[in-house]
Amino acid sequence: MSPGPLTFPVLRWFALVWMVVWLPAYSRVWGWANLLHLCDVAVILTFVGIWLANPLLLSSQAVGSLAAGFFWILDAGWRLTTGRFLVGGTDYMWDARYPLWVRLLSTFHVGLPLLLLWTLRKVGYDQRALGLEAAIAAVLLVISRFLSAGLNMNYAYRDPLFHRAWGPAPAHIAMIFIPLVALIYWPTHLLLGWLFRAPGGSP
């Protein structure tokens, strides 16, 4: 049976409640531009994917979210145990200028990958996911370059490891995009394709 809107009869309503809380809170505390983060776009597209039971949307966000969740957990866990950040990117979780309950909403980085894996058991993994997620990342990187350099949205101005720019805008974006796809998205795509059936296939 092909996935349909009733594939997730309960989860879709939980997802709606989450969005009603998370989206206004994030946009008010950190601003609408913050929602252009790849991980925040993943939340929005996962919600749409759950509501529509769309294998392509859910698969694409699994490609982008598994490694992102892992690195978020690693960095936050490193800070908790050593008092220092391993790479950075989770420092806002300790910034008392922001309400604690809003900061705790960022723990979606832990739950989102697990949720996506569970949904793929239901709807299957769409092999087109790699191309879609790469296209989403490319568009967001270009848009991020038009935002303030201080935001460094999606590392469009400085890379996350060396904290430096790699030449003019096209060169720097390529230096972020190519490793992202080759070293993170592509291996995740291969793993998910191996773990899950194709949409419409036998469970």
C-alpha atoms as a PDB file:
ATOM      1  CA  MET A   1       0.000   0.000   0.000  1.00  0.00           C
ATOM      2  CA  SER A   2       1.294   3.431  -0.904  1.00  0.00           C
ATOM      3  CA  PRO A   3       1.761   5.980   1.903  1.00  0.00           C
ATOM      4  CA  GLY A   4      -1.154   8.345   2.411  1.00  0.00           C
ATOM      5  CA  PRO A   5      -2.216  11.093   4.810  1.00  0.00           C
ATOM      6  CA  LEU A   6      -3.456   8.490   7.305  1.00  0.00           C
ATOM      7  CA  THR A   7      -0.100   6.714   7.511  1.00  0.00           C
ATOM      8  CA  PHE A   8       0.673   8.688  10.682  1.00  0.00           C
ATOM      9  CA  PRO A   9      -2.779   9.255  12.236  1.00  0.00           C
ATOM     10  CA  VAL A  10      -1.468  10.265  15.674  1.00  0.00           C
ATOM     11  CA  LEU A  11       2.024  11.521  14.887  1.00  0.00           C
ATOM     12  CA  ARG A  12       0.782  14.133  12.447  1.00  0.00           C
ATOM     13  CA  TRP A  13      -1.209  15.841  15.219  1.00  0.00           C
ATOM     14  CA  PHE A  14       1.734  15.721  17.637  1.00  0.00           C
ATOM     15  CA  ALA A  15       3.825  17.272  14.858  1.00  0.00           C
ATOM     16  CA  LEU A  16       1.243  20.033  14.442  1.00  0.00           C
ATOM     17  CA  VAL A  17       1.299  20.840  18.168  1.00  0.00           C
ATOM     18  CA  TRP A  18       5.110  20.943  18.054  1.00  0.00           C
ATOM     19  CA  MET A  19       5.078  23.405  15.169  1.00  0.00           C
ATOM     20  CA  VAL A  20       2.521  25.639  16.893  1.00  0.00           C
ATOM     21  CA  VAL A  21       4.912  25.938  19.852  1.00  0.00           C
ATOM     22  CA  TRP A  22       8.326  25.731  18.188  1.00  0.00           C
ATOM     23  CA  LEU A  23       7.908  27.980  15.144  1.00  0.00           C
ATOM     24  CA  PRO A  24       6.654  31.142  16.923  1.00  0.00           C
ATOM     25  CA  ALA A  25       9.105  30.647  19.811  1.00  0.00           C
ATOM     26  CA  TYR A  26      12.123  30.291  17.543  1.00  0.00           C
ATOM     27  CA  SER A  27      11.154  33.139  15.254  1.00  0.00           C
ATOM     28  CA  ARG A  28      10.488  35.509  18.161  1.00  0.00           C
ATOM     29  CA  VAL A  29      13.614  34.721  20.188  1.00  0.00           C
ATOM     30  CA  TRP A  30      16.152  34.262  17.391  1.00  0.00           C
ATOM     31  CA  GLY A  31      14.430  35.963  14.461  1.00  0.00           C
ATOM     32  CA  TRP A  32      12.985  34.651  11.214  1.00  0.00           C
ATOM     33  CA  ALA A  33      16.410  34.475   9.572  1.00  0.00           C
ATOM     34  CA  ASN A  34      17.362  31.752  12.054  1.00  0.00           C
ATOM     35  CA  LEU A  35      14.816  29.481  10.404  1.00  0.00           C
ATOM     36  CA  LEU A  36      17.093  29.336   7.358  1.00  0.00           C
ATOM     37  CA  HIS A  37      19.455  27.032   9.231  1.00  0.00           C
ATOM     38  CA  LEU A  38      19.549  23.651   7.534  1.00  0.00           C
ATOM     39  CA  CYS A  39      18.495  21.961  10.770  1.00  0.00           C
ATOM     40  CA  ASP A  40      15.517  24.292  11.229  1.00  0.00           C
ATOM     41  CA  VAL A  41      14.415  23.847   7.629  1.00  0.00           C
ATOM     42  CA  ALA A  42      14.612  20.119   8.326  1.00  0.00           C
ATOM     43  CA  VAL A  43      12.078  20.499  11.141  1.00  0.00           C
ATOM     44  CA  ILE A  44       9.654  22.334   8.862  1.00  0.00           C
ATOM     45  CA  LEU A  45      10.027  19.907   5.952  1.00  0.00           C
ATOM     46  CA  THR A  46       9.754  16.912   8.270  1.00  0.00           C
ATOM     47  CA  PHE A  47       6.468  18.303   9.543  1.00  0.00           C
ATOM     48  CA  VAL A  48       5.192  18.611   5.976  1.00  0.00           C
ATOM     49  CA  GLY A  49       6.512  15.131   5.193  1.00  0.00           C
ATOM     50  CA  ILE A  50       4.718  13.619   8.185  1.00  0.00           C
ATOM     51  CA  TRP A  51       1.477  15.435   7.432  1.00  0.00           C
ATOM     52  CA  LEU A  52       1.494  14.252   3.821  1.00  0.00           C
ATOM     53  CA  ALA A  53       3.275  10.929   4.526  1.00  0.00           C
ATOM     54  CA  ASN A  54       5.644  11.908   1.725  1.00  0.00           C
ATOM     55  CA  PRO A  55       8.581   9.471   1.404  1.00  0.00           C
ATOM     56  CA  LEU A  56      10.731  11.900  -0.604  1.00  0.00           C
ATOM     57  CA  LEU A  57      10.502  14.723   1.925  1.00  0.00           C
ATOM     58  CA  LEU A  58      11.073  12.413   4.882  1.00  0.00           C
ATOM     59  CA  SER A  59      13.954  10.658   3.151  1.00  0.00           C
ATOM     60  CA  SER A  60      15.662  13.899   2.170  1.00  0.00           C
ATOM     61  CA  GLN A  61      15.503  15.233   5.710  1.00  0.00           C
ATOM     62  CA  ALA A  62      16.887  11.977   7.063  1.00  0.00           C
ATOM     63  CA  VAL A  63      19.864  12.425   4.728  1.00  0.00           C
ATOM     64  CA  GLY A  64      20.534  15.851   6.206  1.00  0.00           C
ATOM     65  CA  SER A  65      19.550  15.314   9.833  1.00  0.00           C
ATOM     66  CA  LEU A  66      21.284  12.148  10.980  1.00  0.00           C
ATOM     67  CA  ALA A  67      24.819  13.537  10.944  1.00  0.00           C
ATOM     68  CA  ALA A  68      23.648  16.988  12.096  1.00  0.00           C
ATOM     69  CA  GLY A  69      21.980  15.419  15.121  1.00  0.00           C
ATOM     70  CA  PHE A  70      25.053  13.332  15.881  1.00  0.00           C
ATOM     71  CA  PHE A  71      27.402  16.344  15.809  1.00  0.00           C
ATOM     72  CA  TRP A  72      24.976  18.429  17.883  1.00  0.00           C
ATOM     73  CA  ILE A  73      24.792  15.713  20.548  1.00  0.00           C
ATOM     74  CA  LEU A  74      28.578  15.287  20.451  1.00  0.00           C
ATOM     75  CA  ASP A  75      29.252  18.998  20.866  1.00  0.00           C
ATOM     76  CA  ALA A  76      26.650  19.540  23.602  1.00  0.00           C
ATOM     77  CA  GLY A  77      27.758  16.375  25.410  1.00  0.00           C
ATOM     78  CA  TRP A  78      31.394  17.460  25.237  1.00  0.00           C
ATOM     79  CA  ARG A  79      30.467  20.808  26.779  1.00  0.00           C
ATOM     80  CA  LEU A  80      28.542  19.081  29.575  1.00  0.00           C
ATOM     81  CA  THR A  81      31.387  16.740  30.452  1.00  0.00           C
ATOM     82  CA  THR A  82      34.488  18.892  29.881  1.00  0.00           C
ATOM     83  CA  GLY A  83      33.211  22.468  30.104  1.00  0.00           C
ATOM     84  CA  ARG A  84      34.453  23.193  26.577  1.00  0.00           C
ATOM     85  CA  PHE A  85      32.926  22.901  23.119  1.00  0.00           C
ATOM     86  CA  LEU A  86      34.354  20.317  20.767  1.00  0.00           C
ATOM     87  CA  VAL A  87      33.531  22.136  17.537  1.00  0.00           C
ATOM     88  CA  GLY A  88      30.997  24.781  18.470  1.00  0.00           C
ATOM     89  CA  GLY A  89      27.501  25.479  17.314  1.00  0.00           C
ATOM     90  CA  THR A  90      25.717  24.576  20.547  1.00  0.00           C
ATOM     91  CA  ASP A  91      27.045  27.483  22.609  1.00  0.00           C
ATOM     92  CA  TYR A  92      23.615  29.138  22.547  1.00  0.00           C
ATOM     93  CA  MET A  93      22.340  26.330  24.785  1.00  0.00           C
ATOM     94  CA  TRP A  94      24.322  27.902  27.658  1.00  0.00           C
ATOM     95  CA  ASP A  95      23.440  31.518  26.860  1.00  0.00           C
ATOM     96  CA  ALA A  96      21.262  32.761  29.740  1.00  0.00           C
ATOM     97  CA  ARG A  97      20.084  35.719  27.659  1.00  0.00           C
ATOM     98  CA  TYR A  98      17.589  33.370  26.039  1.00  0.00           C
ATOM     99  CA  PRO A  99      14.711  31.668  27.895  1.00  0.00           C
ATOM    100  CA  LEU A 100      15.640  28.181  29.054  1.00  0.00           C
ATOM    101  CA  TRP A 101      12.470  26.604  27.689  1.00  0.00           C
ATOM    102  CA  VAL A 102      13.227  27.971  24.218  1.00  0.00           C
ATOM    103  CA  ARG A 103      16.793  26.682  24.385  1.00  0.00           C
ATOM    104  CA  LEU A 104      15.466  23.277  25.407  1.00  0.00           C
ATOM    105  CA  LEU A 105      13.363  23.188  22.236  1.00  0.00           C
ATOM    106  CA  SER A 106      16.691  22.698  20.433  1.00  0.00           C
ATOM    107  CA  THR A 107      16.835  19.187  21.829  1.00  0.00           C
ATOM    108  CA  PHE A 108      14.899  18.333  18.694  1.00  0.00           C
ATOM    109  CA  HIS A 109      18.392  17.594  17.352  1.00  0.00           C
ATOM    110  CA  VAL A 110      18.250  14.441  19.476  1.00  0.00           C
ATOM    111  CA  GLY A 111      14.729  13.347  18.625  1.00  0.00           C
ATOM    112  CA  LEU A 112      14.450  14.351  14.970  1.00  0.00           C
ATOM    113  CA  PRO A 113      16.883  11.746  13.559  1.00  0.00           C
ATOM    114  CA  LEU A 114      15.174   8.974  15.550  1.00  0.00           C
ATOM    115  CA  LEU A 115      11.764  10.153  14.418  1.00  0.00           C
ATOM    116  CA  LEU A 116      12.848  10.235  10.783  1.00  0.00           C
ATOM    117  CA  LEU A 117      14.263   6.711  10.985  1.00  0.00           C
ATOM    118  CA  TRP A 118      10.947   5.517  12.410  1.00  0.00           C
ATOM    119  CA  THR A 119       8.961   7.187   9.630  1.00  0.00           C
ATOM    120  CA  LEU A 120      11.182   5.578   6.988  1.00  0.00           C
ATOM    121  CA  ARG A 121      10.247   2.165   8.375  1.00  0.00           C
ATOM    122  CA  LYS A 122       6.663   3.089   7.505  1.00  0.00           C
ATOM    123  CA  VAL A 123       7.041   4.770   4.123  1.00  0.00           C
ATOM    124  CA  GLY A 124      10.395   3.526   2.799  1.00  0.00           C
ATOM    125  CA  TYR A 125      13.459   5.385   1.573  1.00  0.00           C
ATOM    126  CA  ASP A 126      13.226   7.354  -1.673  1.00  0.00           C
ATOM    127  CA  GLN A 127      16.486   7.221  -3.633  1.00  0.00           C
ATOM    128  CA  ARG A 128      15.876  10.729  -4.968  1.00  0.00           C
ATOM    129  CA  ALA A 129      16.467  12.063  -1.459  1.00  0.00           C
ATOM    130  CA  LEU A 130      20.171  12.760  -1.981  1.00  0.00           C
ATOM    131  CA  GLY A 131      19.521  15.025  -4.958  1.00  0.00           C
ATOM    132  CA  LEU A 132      16.724  16.894  -3.220  1.00  0.00           C
ATOM    133  CA  GLU A 133      18.672  17.468  -0.012  1.00  0.00           C
ATOM    134  CA  ALA A 134      21.744  18.601  -1.966  1.00  0.00           C
ATOM    135  CA  ALA A 135      19.575  21.081  -3.871  1.00  0.00           C
ATOM    136  CA  ILE A 136      18.028  22.386  -0.639  1.00  0.00           C
ATOM    137  CA  ALA A 137      21.485  22.839   0.886  1.00  0.00           C
ATOM    138  CA  ALA A 138      22.767  24.651  -2.202  1.00  0.00           C
ATOM    139  CA  VAL A 139      19.855  27.097  -2.216  1.00  0.00           C
ATOM    140  CA  LEU A 140      20.164  27.779   1.516  1.00  0.00           C
ATOM    141  CA  LEU A 141      23.911  28.354   1.243  1.00  0.00           C
ATOM    142  CA  VAL A 142      23.418  30.931  -1.504  1.00  0.00           C
ATOM    143  CA  ILE A 143      20.645  32.680   0.437  1.00  0.00           C
ATOM    144  CA  SER A 144      22.762  32.620   3.606  1.00  0.00           C
ATOM    145  CA  ARG A 145      25.522  34.465   1.783  1.00  0.00           C
ATOM    146  CA  PHE A 146      23.177  37.448   1.406  1.00  0.00           C
ATOM    147  CA  LEU A 147      22.612  37.618   5.162  1.00  0.00           C
ATOM    148  CA  SER A 148      24.926  39.292   7.654  1.00  0.00           C
ATOM    149  CA  ALA A 149      28.415  37.845   7.909  1.00  0.00           C
ATOM    150  CA  GLY A 150      28.002  38.023  11.672  1.00  0.00           C
ATOM    151  CA  LEU A 151      25.275  35.390  11.496  1.00  0.00           C
ATOM    152  CA  ASN A 152      27.456  33.054   9.442  1.00  0.00           C
ATOM    153  CA  MET A 153      24.269  31.182   8.584  1.00  0.00           C
ATOM    154  CA  ASN A 154      25.029  27.628   7.473  1.00  0.00           C
ATOM    155  CA  TYR A 155      28.731  28.539   7.581  1.00  0.00           C
ATOM    156  CA  ALA A 156      28.302  30.582   4.416  1.00  0.00           C
ATOM    157  CA  TYR A 157      31.094  32.969   5.523  1.00  0.00           C
ATOM    158  CA  ARG A 158      33.377  30.887   7.764  1.00  0.00           C
ATOM    159  CA  ASP A 159      33.785  27.128   7.946  1.00  0.00           C
ATOM    160  CA  PRO A 160      32.985  25.307  11.228  1.00  0.00           C
ATOM    161  CA  LEU A 161      36.444  23.768  11.750  1.00  0.00           C
ATOM    162  CA  PHE A 162      39.025  26.432  10.951  1.00  0.00           C
ATOM    163  CA  HIS A 163      36.666  29.416  11.252  1.00  0.00           C
ATOM    164  CA  ARG A 164      38.028  30.995   8.110  1.00  0.00           C
ATOM    165  CA  ALA A 165      36.784  32.071   4.687  1.00  0.00           C
ATOM    166  CA  TRP A 166      37.950  30.167   1.617  1.00  0.00           C
ATOM    167  CA  GLY A 167      38.270  32.876  -0.986  1.00  0.00           C
ATOM    168  CA  PRO A 168      35.427  34.749  -2.743  1.00  0.00           C
ATOM    169  CA  ALA A 169      31.811  33.790  -2.123  1.00  0.00           C
ATOM    170  CA  PRO A 170      31.526  31.134  -4.906  1.00  0.00           C
ATOM    171  CA  ALA A 171      34.739  29.432  -3.786  1.00  0.00           C
ATOM    172  CA  HIS A 172      33.762  29.427  -0.127  1.00  0.00           C
ATOM    173  CA  ILE A 173      30.267  28.093  -0.822  1.00  0.00           C
ATOM    174  CA  ALA A 174      31.779  25.324  -2.936  1.00  0.00           C
ATOM    175  CA  MET A 175      34.196  24.485  -0.106  1.00  0.00           C
ATOM    176  CA  ILE A 176      31.232  24.056   2.247  1.00  0.00           C
ATOM    177  CA  PHE A 177      28.846  22.388  -0.202  1.00  0.00           C
ATOM    178  CA  ILE A 178      31.113  19.757  -1.767  1.00  0.00           C
ATOM    179  CA  PRO A 179      32.353  18.177   1.495  1.00  0.00           C
ATOM    180  CA  LEU A 180      28.831  18.374   2.910  1.00  0.00           C
ATOM    181  CA  VAL A 181      27.454  16.292   0.063  1.00  0.00           C
ATOM    182  CA  ALA A 182      30.452  13.997  -0.459  1.00  0.00           C
ATOM    183  CA  LEU A 183      31.351  13.270   3.162  1.00  0.00           C
ATOM    184  CA  ILE A 184      27.984  13.492   4.932  1.00  0.00           C
ATOM    185  CA  TYR A 185      24.989  13.314   2.616  1.00  0.00           C
ATOM    186  CA  TRP A 186      26.258  10.631   0.239  1.00  0.00           C
ATOM    187  CA  PRO A 187      27.364   8.087   2.904  1.00  0.00           C
ATOM    188  CA  THR A 188      24.108   8.680   4.797  1.00  0.00           C
ATOM    189  CA  HIS A 189      22.179   8.128   1.560  1.00  0.00           C
ATOM    190  CA  LEU A 190      23.956   4.801   1.000  1.00  0.00           C
ATOM    191  CA  LEU A 191      23.263   3.703   4.570  1.00  0.00           C
ATOM    192  CA  LEU A 192      19.574   4.594   4.425  1.00  0.00           C
ATOM    193  CA  GLY A 193      19.174   2.904   1.048  1.00  0.00           C
ATOM    194  CA  TRP A 194      20.651  -0.245   2.556  1.00  0.00           C
ATOM    195  CA  LEU A 195      18.539  -0.124   5.724  1.00  0.00           C
ATOM    196  CA  PHE A 196      15.117   0.639   4.279  1.00  0.00           C
ATOM    197  CA  ARG A 197      12.937  -0.657   1.467  1.00  0.00           C
ATOM    198  CA  ALA A 198      11.878   1.561  -1.409  1.00  0.00           C
ATOM    199  CA  PRO A 199       8.513   3.351  -1.117  1.00  0.00           C
ATOM    200  CA  GLY A 200       5.685   1.023  -2.029  1.00  0.00           C
ATOM    201  CA  GLY A 201       7.850  -2.048  -1.535  1.00  0.00           C
ATOM    202  CA  SER A 202       7.174  -4.928   0.792  1.00  0.00           C
ATOM    203  CA  PRO A 203       7.870  -4.176   4.468  1.00  0.00           C
END
